[in-house]
Amino acid sequence: MTAGLRIALAAENGEWHRDRLVAAVRRLAVEPVLVSLADIAVVTGEGEPLRVPGFGRDLPHGLLVRTISGGTFEATTLRLGILHALVASGTIVWNSPVGIERSVDKAMTSLLLARGAVPTPETFVLSSRAAACELAAREAGPERPLVLKPLFGSQGEGLRLIMRPEDLPERDEVAGVFYLQRYIARRDGRWRDYRVFVCAGRAIAGMIREGDGWITNVRRGGRPLPWALPRAAAQLAEAAAALTAVDYTGVDLVEDGAGGYLVLEVNSMPAWSGLQQVTEVDIAGEIAAGFVRAVRAAHAPAPRLAAGT
């Protein structure tokens, strides 16, 4: 069933995740070709313009994107354009460029979740520092702070608590965008939130993230703890993944104080080393199986009609 499948894996950053994905794909009798999106070229005048290293003049049947090479705005635009071109050619890309664009841009994620009636903390996205200061004066305070987040940030980097207008940085420090979200404190005072991993539309595992401060990301010292994933949390994460069109993702949740949950973020290139410590689910295996299944379904030969039918 998997014979002849041409699979590419973009996972140049982070050996732990790369090695587990490679092993998981190989267990499905498929040999992945490691590629960097930075090495894919566009050459016109000689047939197919895309040149993917390791595939000659052919294109892969599927590309699993674990990471996108860092670079300038122009380089990132080129790499997303290449992903769009691969999708247009019939290549199955996980996560798709649409999913990446929707989830890496926190403002777009918030907009889509709001339109889809998925509960999230109050969020404000402004381009003017003066407008952001007016907002902070009206909405923020020591007992009800706002969280300032980089529009394209991850792993808890660059987060700030805003309690008054003077806490806001200058416009150039946030690349001209003030993304502000209501900080949701727990009633028991603990610094704790949740991560739900969704793959192929289904929540497959979850964990508690607990910290010694308000930033609980595992990369920033948060501790992963086992969590018996409640159905309400699973359904919320699945809805968020569907609205942002991501094939596999880590969805961050907080409790709303009334027995439910709010979505904080949807991650298009989630890490799962912390989650893997506290769950028996083989995360890499689930990603590989869902991805290869999608590629196989898209490239399966059409059934032949029996003679006389």
Protein backbone atom coordinates (compact mmCIF):
# COMPACT_ATOMS: atom_id res chain seq x y z
CA MET A 1 0.00 0.00 0.00
CA THR A 2 2.92 2.38 0.65
CA ALA A 3 5.25 1.11 -2.08
CA GLY A 4 6.45 3.87 -4.35
CA LEU A 5 5.33 6.74 -2.13
CA ARG A 6 7.73 9.68 -2.36
CA ILE A 7 7.76 11.37 1.04
CA ALA A 8 9.75 14.44 2.10
CA LEU A 9 10.30 15.56 5.68
CA ALA A 10 11.27 19.15 6.53
CA ALA A 11 12.67 18.85 10.05
CA GLU A 12 16.11 20.41 10.11
CA ASN A 13 15.78 22.01 13.56
CA GLY A 14 15.68 19.69 16.55
CA GLU A 15 17.16 16.21 16.31
CA TRP A 16 14.81 14.66 18.90
CA HIS A 17 11.66 15.39 16.92
CA ARG A 18 13.30 14.69 13.54
CA ASP A 19 14.62 11.28 14.58
CA ARG A 20 11.28 10.17 15.97
CA LEU A 21 9.40 11.24 12.87
CA VAL A 22 11.90 9.50 10.59
CA ALA A 23 11.61 6.28 12.62
CA ALA A 24 7.80 6.50 12.67
CA VAL A 25 7.57 6.96 8.90
CA ARG A 26 10.01 4.09 8.32
CA ARG A 27 7.85 1.80 10.45
CA LEU A 28 5.17 2.36 7.82
CA ALA A 29 7.52 0.98 5.13
CA VAL A 30 8.21 4.41 3.64
CA GLU A 31 11.67 5.95 3.39
CA PRO A 32 11.45 9.72 3.99
CA VAL A 33 13.83 12.14 2.29
CA LEU A 34 15.04 14.89 4.62
CA VAL A 35 14.80 18.29 2.97
CA SER A 36 15.19 21.93 3.90
CA LEU A 37 12.65 24.34 2.48
CA ALA A 38 15.57 26.74 2.05
CA ASP A 39 17.07 24.35 -0.54
CA ILE A 40 13.98 24.06 -2.74
CA ALA A 41 14.49 26.16 -5.88
CA VAL A 42 12.30 27.55 -8.63
CA VAL A 43 13.74 27.08 -12.13
CA THR A 44 11.58 27.97 -15.12
CA GLY A 45 11.93 26.95 -18.75
CA GLU A 46 12.69 23.27 -18.08
CA GLY A 47 9.37 21.60 -17.30
CA GLU A 48 8.26 21.50 -13.67
CA PRO A 49 9.67 24.69 -12.09
CA LEU A 50 10.05 23.36 -8.52
CA ARG A 51 13.29 21.57 -7.72
CA VAL A 52 13.11 19.56 -4.49
CA PRO A 53 16.49 18.06 -3.49
CA GLY A 54 16.43 14.28 -3.61
CA PHE A 55 13.52 14.05 -6.07
CA GLY A 56 15.14 14.95 -9.38
CA ARG A 57 12.54 16.30 -11.78
CA ASP A 58 9.72 14.70 -9.79
CA LEU A 59 7.83 16.16 -6.86
CA PRO A 60 7.11 14.35 -3.60
CA HIS A 61 3.72 12.81 -3.08
CA GLY A 62 3.78 14.25 0.43
CA LEU A 63 5.75 16.75 2.52
CA LEU A 64 5.60 16.67 6.31
CA VAL A 65 6.63 20.07 7.69
CA ARG A 66 8.07 19.95 11.19
CA THR A 67 10.02 23.22 10.89
CA ILE A 68 10.45 26.08 8.43
CA SER A 69 13.97 27.44 8.08
CA GLY A 70 14.38 30.82 9.73
CA GLY A 71 15.22 33.87 7.70
CA THR A 72 14.06 37.22 6.45
CA PHE A 73 10.48 38.16 5.67
CA GLU A 74 11.32 37.65 1.99
CA ALA A 75 12.77 34.17 2.63
CA THR A 76 9.75 33.13 4.70
CA THR A 77 7.41 34.42 1.99
CA LEU A 78 9.30 32.37 -0.60
CA ARG A 79 9.09 29.19 1.50
CA LEU A 80 5.37 29.60 2.09
CA GLY A 81 4.94 30.24 -1.63
CA ILE A 82 6.76 26.99 -2.36
CA LEU A 83 4.42 25.14 -0.01
CA HIS A 84 1.42 26.67 -1.81
CA ALA A 85 2.92 25.60 -5.17
CA LEU A 86 3.42 22.04 -3.90
CA VAL A 87 -0.20 21.87 -2.75
CA ALA A 88 -1.34 23.16 -6.15
CA SER A 89 0.70 20.39 -7.82
CA GLY A 90 -1.08 17.68 -5.83
CA THR A 91 1.49 17.17 -3.07
CA ILE A 92 -0.07 16.55 0.35
CA VAL A 93 1.52 19.04 2.76
CA TRP A 94 1.15 18.76 6.54
CA ASN A 95 0.69 21.32 7.93
CA SER A 96 -0.65 23.02 4.84
CA PRO A 97 0.54 26.56 4.10
CA VAL A 98 -2.98 27.81 4.80
CA GLY A 99 -2.91 26.17 8.23
CA ILE A 100 0.55 27.56 8.95
CA GLU A 101 -0.45 31.07 7.93
CA ARG A 102 -3.65 30.99 9.97
CA SER A 103 -2.04 29.70 13.16
CA VAL A 104 1.37 31.38 13.13
CA ASP A 105 -0.37 34.77 12.93
CA LYS A 106 -1.99 35.13 16.34
CA ALA A 107 -4.29 37.91 15.13
CA MET A 108 -5.71 35.70 12.37
CA THR A 109 -6.09 32.82 14.81
CA SER A 110 -8.04 35.05 17.21
CA LEU A 111 -10.23 36.36 14.41
CA LEU A 112 -11.06 32.87 13.14
CA LEU A 113 -11.77 31.50 16.61
CA ALA A 114 -14.04 34.45 17.40
CA ARG A 115 -15.97 34.00 14.15
CA GLY A 116 -16.27 30.30 14.88
CA ALA A 117 -17.62 30.97 18.39
CA VAL A 118 -14.68 29.19 20.03
CA PRO A 119 -14.17 30.78 23.47
CA THR A 120 -10.90 32.65 23.97
CA PRO A 121 -9.72 35.38 26.36
CA GLU A 122 -10.61 38.92 25.31
CA THR A 123 -8.09 39.93 22.63
CA PHE A 124 -7.13 43.29 21.15
CA VAL A 125 -4.86 43.80 18.13
CA LEU A 126 -3.71 47.35 17.41
CA SER A 127 -1.06 49.00 15.26
CA SER A 128 -0.84 52.34 17.09
CA ARG A 129 0.99 52.67 20.41
CA ALA A 130 -1.29 55.56 21.32
CA ALA A 131 -4.33 53.34 20.81
CA ALA A 132 -2.64 50.56 22.79
CA CYS A 133 -1.96 53.00 25.65
CA GLU A 134 -5.60 54.10 25.67
CA LEU A 135 -6.64 50.46 25.77
CA ALA A 136 -4.26 49.68 28.64
CA ALA A 137 -5.50 52.67 30.61
CA ARG A 138 -9.06 51.45 30.19
CA GLU A 139 -8.67 47.66 30.39
CA ALA A 140 -5.52 46.85 32.38
CA GLY A 141 -4.61 47.00 36.04
CA PRO A 142 -2.78 45.07 38.77
CA GLU A 143 -5.81 42.84 39.33
CA ARG A 144 -6.67 42.41 35.64
CA PRO A 145 -3.50 42.57 33.52
CA LEU A 146 -3.19 42.10 29.80
CA VAL A 147 -0.59 39.86 28.16
CA LEU A 148 1.42 41.38 25.32
CA LYS A 149 2.52 38.69 22.86
CA PRO A 150 4.69 38.83 19.74
CA LEU A 151 2.42 38.31 16.75
CA PHE A 152 4.65 35.51 15.41
CA GLY A 153 6.24 34.34 18.68
CA SER A 154 6.36 30.87 20.18
CA GLN A 155 7.69 28.91 23.17
CA GLY A 156 6.69 31.72 25.55
CA GLU A 157 9.32 34.09 24.18
CA GLY A 158 8.68 37.83 24.40
CA LEU A 159 5.60 37.70 26.66
CA ARG A 160 4.95 40.68 28.94
CA LEU A 161 2.32 41.48 31.54
CA ILE A 162 0.78 44.90 30.96
CA MET A 163 -0.82 46.59 33.97
CA ARG A 164 -0.59 50.24 32.89
CA PRO A 165 0.16 52.18 29.70
CA GLU A 166 3.76 52.74 30.78
CA ASP A 167 4.38 48.98 30.58
CA LEU A 168 3.93 49.01 26.82
CA PRO A 169 7.14 48.93 24.73
CA GLU A 170 7.80 51.22 21.81
CA ARG A 171 6.19 50.32 18.51
CA ASP A 172 9.40 49.11 16.86
CA GLU A 173 9.97 46.59 19.67
CA VAL A 174 6.78 44.75 18.64
CA ALA A 175 7.25 45.12 14.88
CA GLY A 176 4.41 47.62 14.75
CA VAL A 177 1.71 45.30 16.15
CA PHE A 178 0.34 45.28 19.71
CA TYR A 179 -1.32 41.91 20.30
CA LEU A 180 -2.90 42.03 23.75
CA GLN A 181 -4.89 39.32 25.46
CA ARG A 182 -6.64 39.24 28.81
CA TYR A 183 -4.60 37.35 31.41
CA ILE A 184 -6.74 34.63 32.98
CA ALA A 185 -5.65 33.91 36.55
CA ARG A 186 -6.62 30.70 38.30
CA ARG A 187 -8.75 30.99 41.41
CA ASP A 188 -6.33 28.81 43.38
CA GLY A 189 -3.38 31.04 42.43
CA ARG A 190 -1.43 28.25 40.74
CA TRP A 191 0.39 28.84 37.47
CA ARG A 192 -1.11 26.12 35.35
CA ASP A 193 -2.53 25.69 31.86
CA TYR A 194 -3.07 22.82 29.41
CA ARG A 195 -1.82 21.50 26.08
CA VAL A 196 -3.99 19.29 23.86
CA PHE A 197 -2.41 17.58 20.87
CA VAL A 198 -4.71 17.19 17.87
CA CYS A 199 -3.84 15.04 14.84
CA ALA A 200 -6.02 14.47 11.76
CA GLY A 201 -8.95 16.16 13.45
CA ARG A 202 -8.82 14.13 16.68
CA ALA A 203 -7.48 15.06 20.11
CA ILE A 204 -5.04 12.26 20.93
CA ALA A 205 -3.30 13.38 24.14
CA GLY A 206 -3.08 16.19 26.64
CA MET A 207 -1.01 17.42 29.55
CA ILE A 208 -1.02 19.93 32.36
CA ARG A 209 1.76 22.53 32.22
CA GLU A 210 2.67 23.91 35.62
CA GLY A 211 5.27 26.57 36.31
CA ASP A 212 6.93 28.53 39.09
CA GLY A 213 5.82 31.70 37.29
CA TRP A 214 3.02 32.73 34.99
CA ILE A 215 4.79 31.52 31.81
CA THR A 216 4.34 27.73 31.81
CA ASN A 217 5.95 26.66 28.50
CA VAL A 218 8.11 23.58 29.00
CA ARG A 219 10.99 25.30 27.20
CA ARG A 220 10.79 28.05 29.83
CA GLY A 221 10.87 25.71 32.81
CA GLY A 222 7.25 24.56 32.95
CA ARG A 223 6.66 21.04 34.21
CA PRO A 224 4.59 18.58 32.16
CA LEU A 225 2.11 16.60 34.25
CA PRO A 226 -0.26 13.77 33.24
CA TRP A 227 -3.82 14.78 32.43
CA ALA A 228 -6.89 12.66 31.85
CA LEU A 229 -8.11 14.70 28.90
CA PRO A 230 -11.72 15.85 29.50
CA ARG A 231 -14.06 15.51 26.55
CA ALA A 232 -14.93 19.23 26.72
CA ALA A 233 -11.27 20.18 26.37
CA ALA A 234 -10.77 17.69 23.54
CA GLN A 235 -13.77 19.01 21.61
CA LEU A 236 -12.64 22.61 22.04
CA ALA A 237 -9.14 21.81 20.78
CA GLU A 238 -10.56 19.89 17.82
CA ALA A 239 -12.78 22.85 16.91
CA ALA A 240 -9.82 25.25 17.08
CA ALA A 241 -7.73 22.98 14.86
CA ALA A 242 -10.55 22.74 12.30
CA LEU A 243 -11.06 26.51 12.16
CA THR A 244 -7.36 27.13 11.56
CA ALA A 245 -7.06 24.21 9.09
CA VAL A 246 -4.07 22.57 10.78
CA ASP A 247 -3.53 18.83 10.36
CA TYR A 248 -1.54 18.37 13.56
CA THR A 249 -1.21 20.91 16.31
CA GLY A 250 -0.78 21.67 19.97
CA VAL A 251 -3.68 23.75 21.29
CA ASP A 252 -3.10 25.68 24.51
CA LEU A 253 -6.02 26.07 26.92
CA VAL A 254 -6.77 27.75 30.23
CA GLU A 255 -9.68 27.23 32.58
CA ASP A 256 -12.38 29.89 32.30
CA GLY A 257 -13.28 29.82 35.99
CA ALA A 258 -16.75 28.46 35.31
CA GLY A 259 -15.97 24.82 34.58
CA GLY A 260 -14.96 25.28 30.96
CA TYR A 261 -11.91 26.21 28.93
CA LEU A 262 -10.60 29.02 26.74
CA VAL A 263 -8.24 28.63 23.78
CA LEU A 264 -5.01 30.60 24.11
CA GLU A 265 -3.09 29.53 21.01
CA VAL A 266 -3.00 27.08 18.12
CA ASN A 267 0.52 25.97 17.19
CA SER A 268 1.34 24.96 13.60
CA MET A 269 4.76 23.47 14.41
CA PRO A 270 4.25 22.09 17.91
CA ALA A 271 6.94 20.44 19.99
CA TRP A 272 5.89 17.39 21.99
CA SER A 273 8.93 16.22 23.95
CA GLY A 274 7.32 17.37 27.22
CA LEU A 275 3.98 15.79 26.37
CA GLN A 276 5.66 12.53 25.40
CA GLN A 277 7.04 12.27 28.95
CA VAL A 278 3.55 12.04 30.45
CA THR A 279 1.51 10.14 27.86
CA GLU A 280 1.62 6.60 26.51
CA VAL A 281 0.43 7.82 23.12
CA ASP A 282 3.21 7.68 20.50
CA ILE A 283 2.88 11.25 19.21
CA ALA A 284 5.34 10.85 16.31
CA GLY A 285 3.66 7.58 15.38
CA GLU A 286 0.23 9.25 15.28
CA ILE A 287 1.52 12.10 13.10
CA ALA A 288 3.27 9.73 10.71
CA ALA A 289 0.27 7.41 10.44
CA GLY A 290 -2.19 10.24 9.78
CA PHE A 291 0.11 11.88 7.26
CA VAL A 292 0.95 8.71 5.31
CA ARG A 293 -2.72 7.73 5.33
CA ALA A 294 -3.62 11.10 3.77
CA VAL A 295 -0.87 10.81 1.15
CA ARG A 296 -1.85 7.25 0.29
CA ALA A 297 -5.52 8.23 -0.08
CA ALA A 298 -4.66 11.14 -2.36
CA HIS A 299 -2.37 9.11 -4.61
CA ALA A 300 -4.09 5.72 -4.64
CA PRO A 301 -4.73 4.46 -8.19
CA ALA A 302 -8.29 4.68 -9.40
CA PRO A 303 -10.10 1.31 -9.14
CA ARG A 304 -10.49 -0.55 -12.42
CA LEU A 305 -13.91 -1.68 -13.53
CA ALA A 306 -14.35 -5.39 -14.02
CA ALA A 307 -14.81 -6.54 -17.60
CA GLY A 308 -18.41 -6.28 -18.73
CA THR A 309 -19.47 -3.68 -16.16
